[in-house]
Amino acid sequence: MQDSSRSVNAVQPVIKTEGPVEQCQRELIALGKINAAMYEKRRVAFSGLLKNASLYSSLRQDINSQTKETVDALYKYKTQKLCHDIEQDLQQALISYGENLQ
């Protein structure tokens, strides 16, 4: 007789969660496939933000907590704003592309 009490969840697939920066980067790549000029503008901004955030990250341990909170909030805002702009650009490019189909 087989053991019917075995859990169906015994083998669970590994689910990789995607963070907001990764999703933003994927949308940026998608934008590049439909609007090269806007992609280049946003790519430069995205690369610059990542470069600056990387530098800040390397210095963060040496900064007092109040400054950390302030600069963390700044980078969070700048990242959210840029990713929102990329999302909006992609949506607009897709709409324009869809409207021009014949």
N, C-alpha and C. Protein backbone atom coordinates (compact mmCIF):
# COMPACT_ATOMS: atom_id res chain seq x y z
N MET A 1 0.84 -1.17 0.00
CA MET A 1 0.00 0.00 0.00
C MET A 1 0.89 1.24 0.00
N GLN A 2 0.54 2.19 -0.82
CA GLN A 2 1.33 3.42 -0.90
C GLN A 2 0.96 4.38 0.19
N ASP A 3 1.93 5.16 0.61
CA ASP A 3 1.70 6.15 1.64
C ASP A 3 1.01 7.37 1.02
N SER A 4 -0.28 7.51 1.26
CA SER A 4 -1.03 8.62 0.68
C SER A 4 -0.89 9.90 1.49
N SER A 5 -0.14 9.84 2.56
CA SER A 5 0.04 11.03 3.38
C SER A 5 1.21 11.89 2.91
N ARG A 6 1.88 11.45 1.85
CA ARG A 6 2.98 12.26 1.32
C ARG A 6 2.46 13.61 0.85
N SER A 7 3.19 14.58 1.15
CA SER A 7 2.79 15.94 0.76
C SER A 7 3.00 16.16 -0.73
N VAL A 8 2.02 16.78 -1.35
CA VAL A 8 2.15 17.12 -2.76
C VAL A 8 3.19 18.21 -2.96
N ASN A 9 3.54 18.85 -1.90
CA ASN A 9 4.52 19.94 -1.97
C ASN A 9 5.93 19.46 -1.68
N ALA A 10 6.14 18.17 -1.71
CA ALA A 10 7.46 17.63 -1.39
C ALA A 10 8.54 18.18 -2.32
N VAL A 11 8.19 18.35 -3.59
CA VAL A 11 9.13 18.94 -4.54
C VAL A 11 8.52 20.24 -5.02
N GLN A 12 9.07 21.32 -4.54
CA GLN A 12 8.55 22.62 -4.91
C GLN A 12 9.50 23.30 -5.88
N PRO A 13 8.96 23.89 -6.92
CA PRO A 13 9.83 24.62 -7.84
C PRO A 13 10.42 25.85 -7.15
N VAL A 14 11.62 26.17 -7.54
CA VAL A 14 12.24 27.37 -7.00
C VAL A 14 11.66 28.55 -7.75
N ILE A 15 11.07 29.46 -7.02
CA ILE A 15 10.47 30.64 -7.62
C ILE A 15 11.41 31.81 -7.38
N LYS A 16 11.90 32.34 -8.47
CA LYS A 16 12.81 33.47 -8.37
C LYS A 16 12.00 34.75 -8.40
N THR A 17 12.12 35.51 -7.35
CA THR A 17 11.39 36.77 -7.33
C THR A 17 12.23 37.85 -7.98
N GLU A 18 11.56 38.70 -8.68
CA GLU A 18 12.23 39.77 -9.40
C GLU A 18 12.00 41.07 -8.64
N GLY A 19 13.07 41.78 -8.36
CA GLY A 19 12.95 43.04 -7.67
C GLY A 19 12.58 44.16 -8.62
N PRO A 20 12.26 45.31 -8.06
CA PRO A 20 11.85 46.43 -8.90
C PRO A 20 12.94 46.92 -9.86
N VAL A 21 14.19 46.84 -9.47
CA VAL A 21 15.27 47.28 -10.36
C VAL A 21 15.41 46.33 -11.54
N GLU A 22 15.29 45.03 -11.28
CA GLU A 22 15.37 44.06 -12.37
C GLU A 22 14.21 44.23 -13.35
N GLN A 23 13.02 44.46 -12.81
CA GLN A 23 11.85 44.68 -13.67
C GLN A 23 12.05 45.96 -14.48
N CYS A 24 12.57 46.97 -13.87
CA CYS A 24 12.84 48.23 -14.54
C CYS A 24 13.83 48.01 -15.69
N GLN A 25 14.86 47.24 -15.43
CA GLN A 25 15.86 46.96 -16.45
C GLN A 25 15.25 46.18 -17.62
N ARG A 26 14.36 45.24 -17.32
CA ARG A 26 13.69 44.48 -18.38
C ARG A 26 12.81 45.39 -19.22
N GLU A 27 12.13 46.33 -18.58
CA GLU A 27 11.30 47.27 -19.33
C GLU A 27 12.16 48.21 -20.16
N LEU A 28 13.31 48.57 -19.65
CA LEU A 28 14.24 49.39 -20.42
C LEU A 28 14.70 48.66 -21.68
N ILE A 29 15.02 47.38 -21.54
CA ILE A 29 15.43 46.58 -22.69
C ILE A 29 14.29 46.48 -23.70
N ALA A 30 13.07 46.29 -23.21
CA ALA A 30 11.91 46.23 -24.09
C ALA A 30 11.73 47.57 -24.83
N LEU A 31 11.94 48.66 -24.12
CA LEU A 31 11.84 49.99 -24.74
C LEU A 31 12.83 50.12 -25.89
N GLY A 32 14.01 49.56 -25.71
CA GLY A 32 15.03 49.62 -26.75
C GLY A 32 14.62 48.91 -28.03
N LYS A 33 13.74 47.95 -27.92
CA LYS A 33 13.28 47.21 -29.09
C LYS A 33 12.23 47.97 -29.90
N ILE A 34 11.67 49.01 -29.28
CA ILE A 34 10.58 49.71 -29.96
C ILE A 34 10.86 51.20 -30.17
N ASN A 35 11.74 51.79 -29.36
CA ASN A 35 12.06 53.22 -29.50
C ASN A 35 13.52 53.44 -29.10
N ALA A 36 14.40 53.37 -30.08
CA ALA A 36 15.84 53.42 -29.82
C ALA A 36 16.28 54.75 -29.21
N ALA A 37 15.71 55.84 -29.65
CA ALA A 37 16.12 57.16 -29.14
C ALA A 37 15.76 57.32 -27.66
N MET A 38 14.53 56.94 -27.30
CA MET A 38 14.11 57.05 -25.89
C MET A 38 14.88 56.05 -25.04
N TYR A 39 15.13 54.87 -25.59
CA TYR A 39 15.92 53.87 -24.88
C TYR A 39 17.29 54.43 -24.52
N GLU A 40 17.96 55.06 -25.45
CA GLU A 40 19.32 55.57 -25.20
C GLU A 40 19.30 56.63 -24.11
N LYS A 41 18.31 57.49 -24.15
CA LYS A 41 18.17 58.54 -23.12
C LYS A 41 17.99 57.91 -21.73
N ARG A 42 17.09 56.95 -21.65
CA ARG A 42 16.82 56.31 -20.36
C ARG A 42 17.96 55.38 -19.94
N ARG A 43 18.63 54.76 -20.89
CA ARG A 43 19.76 53.88 -20.57
C ARG A 43 20.88 54.66 -19.92
N VAL A 44 21.16 55.85 -20.44
CA VAL A 44 22.21 56.70 -19.86
C VAL A 44 21.83 57.08 -18.42
N ALA A 45 20.58 57.45 -18.22
CA ALA A 45 20.13 57.83 -16.87
C ALA A 45 20.18 56.62 -15.92
N PHE A 46 19.74 55.46 -16.40
CA PHE A 46 19.73 54.24 -15.59
C PHE A 46 21.15 53.84 -15.20
N SER A 47 22.05 53.86 -16.17
CA SER A 47 23.45 53.49 -15.90
C SER A 47 24.09 54.46 -14.91
N GLY A 48 23.81 55.74 -15.08
CA GLY A 48 24.33 56.74 -14.15
C GLY A 48 23.82 56.55 -12.74
N LEU A 49 22.53 56.25 -12.63
CA LEU A 49 21.94 56.02 -11.31
C LEU A 49 22.57 54.80 -10.64
N LEU A 50 22.74 53.72 -11.40
CA LEU A 50 23.36 52.52 -10.83
C LEU A 50 24.81 52.78 -10.41
N LYS A 51 25.53 53.54 -11.21
CA LYS A 51 26.92 53.86 -10.89
C LYS A 51 26.99 54.67 -9.59
N ASN A 52 26.14 55.69 -9.49
CA ASN A 52 26.14 56.52 -8.29
C ASN A 52 25.68 55.74 -7.06
N ALA A 53 24.67 54.89 -7.23
CA ALA A 53 24.19 54.09 -6.11
C ALA A 53 25.25 53.10 -5.65
N SER A 54 26.02 52.59 -6.59
CA SER A 54 27.10 51.66 -6.24
C SER A 54 28.18 52.36 -5.41
N LEU A 55 28.51 53.57 -5.81
CA LEU A 55 29.49 54.33 -5.05
C LEU A 55 28.97 54.61 -3.64
N TYR A 56 27.72 55.06 -3.56
CA TYR A 56 27.12 55.33 -2.25
C TYR A 56 27.12 54.06 -1.40
N SER A 57 26.78 52.94 -2.00
CA SER A 57 26.74 51.67 -1.28
C SER A 57 28.10 51.33 -0.67
N SER A 58 29.16 51.64 -1.41
CA SER A 58 30.51 51.33 -0.90
C SER A 58 30.90 52.25 0.25
N LEU A 59 30.27 53.41 0.35
CA LEU A 59 30.58 54.37 1.42
C LEU A 59 29.60 54.29 2.58
N ARG A 60 28.49 53.64 2.37
CA ARG A 60 27.37 53.68 3.31
C ARG A 60 27.74 53.27 4.73
N GLN A 61 28.59 52.28 4.89
CA GLN A 61 28.94 51.81 6.23
C GLN A 61 29.68 52.86 7.05
N ASP A 62 30.26 53.86 6.39
CA ASP A 62 31.03 54.89 7.08
C ASP A 62 30.22 56.15 7.37
N ILE A 63 28.93 56.12 7.10
CA ILE A 63 28.09 57.31 7.21
C ILE A 63 27.16 57.16 8.41
N ASN A 64 26.88 58.28 9.09
CA ASN A 64 25.99 58.22 10.25
C ASN A 64 24.56 57.88 9.84
N SER A 65 23.78 57.39 10.79
CA SER A 65 22.46 56.84 10.49
C SER A 65 21.49 57.88 9.93
N GLN A 66 21.56 59.12 10.38
CA GLN A 66 20.65 60.14 9.87
C GLN A 66 20.94 60.44 8.39
N THR A 67 22.22 60.52 8.06
CA THR A 67 22.59 60.74 6.66
C THR A 67 22.19 59.54 5.81
N LYS A 68 22.39 58.33 6.34
CA LYS A 68 21.98 57.12 5.62
C LYS A 68 20.50 57.17 5.28
N GLU A 69 19.68 57.50 6.27
CA GLU A 69 18.23 57.55 6.04
C GLU A 69 17.89 58.56 4.95
N THR A 70 18.54 59.70 4.96
CA THR A 70 18.27 60.73 3.98
C THR A 70 18.69 60.30 2.58
N VAL A 71 19.91 59.78 2.48
CA VAL A 71 20.44 59.40 1.16
C VAL A 71 19.75 58.12 0.65
N ASP A 72 19.42 57.20 1.55
CA ASP A 72 18.66 56.02 1.14
C ASP A 72 17.32 56.45 0.51
N ALA A 73 16.65 57.38 1.17
CA ALA A 73 15.37 57.88 0.65
C ALA A 73 15.55 58.56 -0.70
N LEU A 74 16.64 59.29 -0.85
CA LEU A 74 16.93 59.95 -2.12
C LEU A 74 17.08 58.93 -3.24
N TYR A 75 17.89 57.89 -3.01
CA TYR A 75 18.09 56.88 -4.05
C TYR A 75 16.83 56.08 -4.32
N LYS A 76 16.05 55.82 -3.28
CA LYS A 76 14.77 55.12 -3.49
C LYS A 76 13.86 55.96 -4.38
N TYR A 77 13.77 57.25 -4.09
CA TYR A 77 12.94 58.14 -4.89
C TYR A 77 13.44 58.21 -6.33
N LYS A 78 14.74 58.42 -6.50
CA LYS A 78 15.29 58.55 -7.85
C LYS A 78 15.09 57.27 -8.66
N THR A 79 15.23 56.13 -8.01
CA THR A 79 15.02 54.85 -8.69
C THR A 79 13.56 54.68 -9.08
N GLN A 80 12.66 54.95 -8.16
CA GLN A 80 11.23 54.82 -8.45
C GLN A 80 10.81 55.79 -9.55
N LYS A 81 11.32 56.99 -9.52
CA LYS A 81 10.97 58.00 -10.53
C LYS A 81 11.46 57.57 -11.91
N LEU A 82 12.71 57.16 -12.00
CA LEU A 82 13.25 56.74 -13.29
C LEU A 82 12.52 55.51 -13.81
N CYS A 83 12.26 54.55 -12.94
CA CYS A 83 11.55 53.34 -13.38
C CYS A 83 10.13 53.67 -13.82
N HIS A 84 9.49 54.59 -13.15
CA HIS A 84 8.15 55.04 -13.57
C HIS A 84 8.23 55.69 -14.95
N ASP A 85 9.23 56.52 -15.16
CA ASP A 85 9.41 57.18 -16.46
C ASP A 85 9.64 56.15 -17.57
N ILE A 86 10.45 55.14 -17.28
CA ILE A 86 10.71 54.08 -18.26
C ILE A 86 9.41 53.33 -18.56
N GLU A 87 8.66 53.01 -17.53
CA GLU A 87 7.39 52.30 -17.72
C GLU A 87 6.43 53.13 -18.58
N GLN A 88 6.36 54.43 -18.29
CA GLN A 88 5.48 55.31 -19.07
C GLN A 88 5.94 55.41 -20.53
N ASP A 89 7.24 55.53 -20.73
CA ASP A 89 7.78 55.60 -22.09
C ASP A 89 7.47 54.33 -22.87
N LEU A 90 7.62 53.18 -22.21
CA LEU A 90 7.34 51.91 -22.85
C LEU A 90 5.86 51.81 -23.21
N GLN A 91 5.00 52.19 -22.28
CA GLN A 91 3.56 52.15 -22.57
C GLN A 91 3.23 53.05 -23.75
N GLN A 92 3.76 54.25 -23.75
CA GLN A 92 3.47 55.18 -24.84
C GLN A 92 4.01 54.66 -26.18
N ALA A 93 5.19 54.09 -26.16
CA ALA A 93 5.77 53.54 -27.38
C ALA A 93 4.92 52.38 -27.90
N LEU A 94 4.46 51.53 -27.02
CA LEU A 94 3.61 50.40 -27.42
C LEU A 94 2.27 50.88 -27.98
N ILE A 95 1.70 51.90 -27.34
CA ILE A 95 0.44 52.46 -27.82
C ILE A 95 0.64 53.08 -29.20
N SER A 96 1.70 53.85 -29.36
CA SER A 96 1.97 54.46 -30.66
C SER A 96 2.18 53.41 -31.72
N TYR A 97 2.91 52.37 -31.38
CA TYR A 97 3.17 51.28 -32.31
C TYR A 97 1.85 50.60 -32.69
N GLY A 98 1.03 50.34 -31.70
CA GLY A 98 -0.26 49.68 -31.95
C GLY A 98 -1.19 50.52 -32.79
N GLU A 99 -1.17 51.82 -32.58
CA GLU A 99 -2.04 52.72 -33.36
C GLU A 99 -1.59 52.82 -34.81
N ASN A 100 -0.32 52.58 -35.08
CA ASN A 100 0.21 52.69 -36.44
C ASN A 100 0.11 51.41 -37.24
N LEU A 101 -0.39 50.35 -36.62
CA LEU A 101 -0.56 49.08 -37.35
C LEU A 101 -1.66 49.24 -38.39
N GLN A 102 -1.43 48.63 -39.54
CA GLN A 102 -2.45 48.75 -40.59
C GLN A 102 -2.82 47.41 -41.14
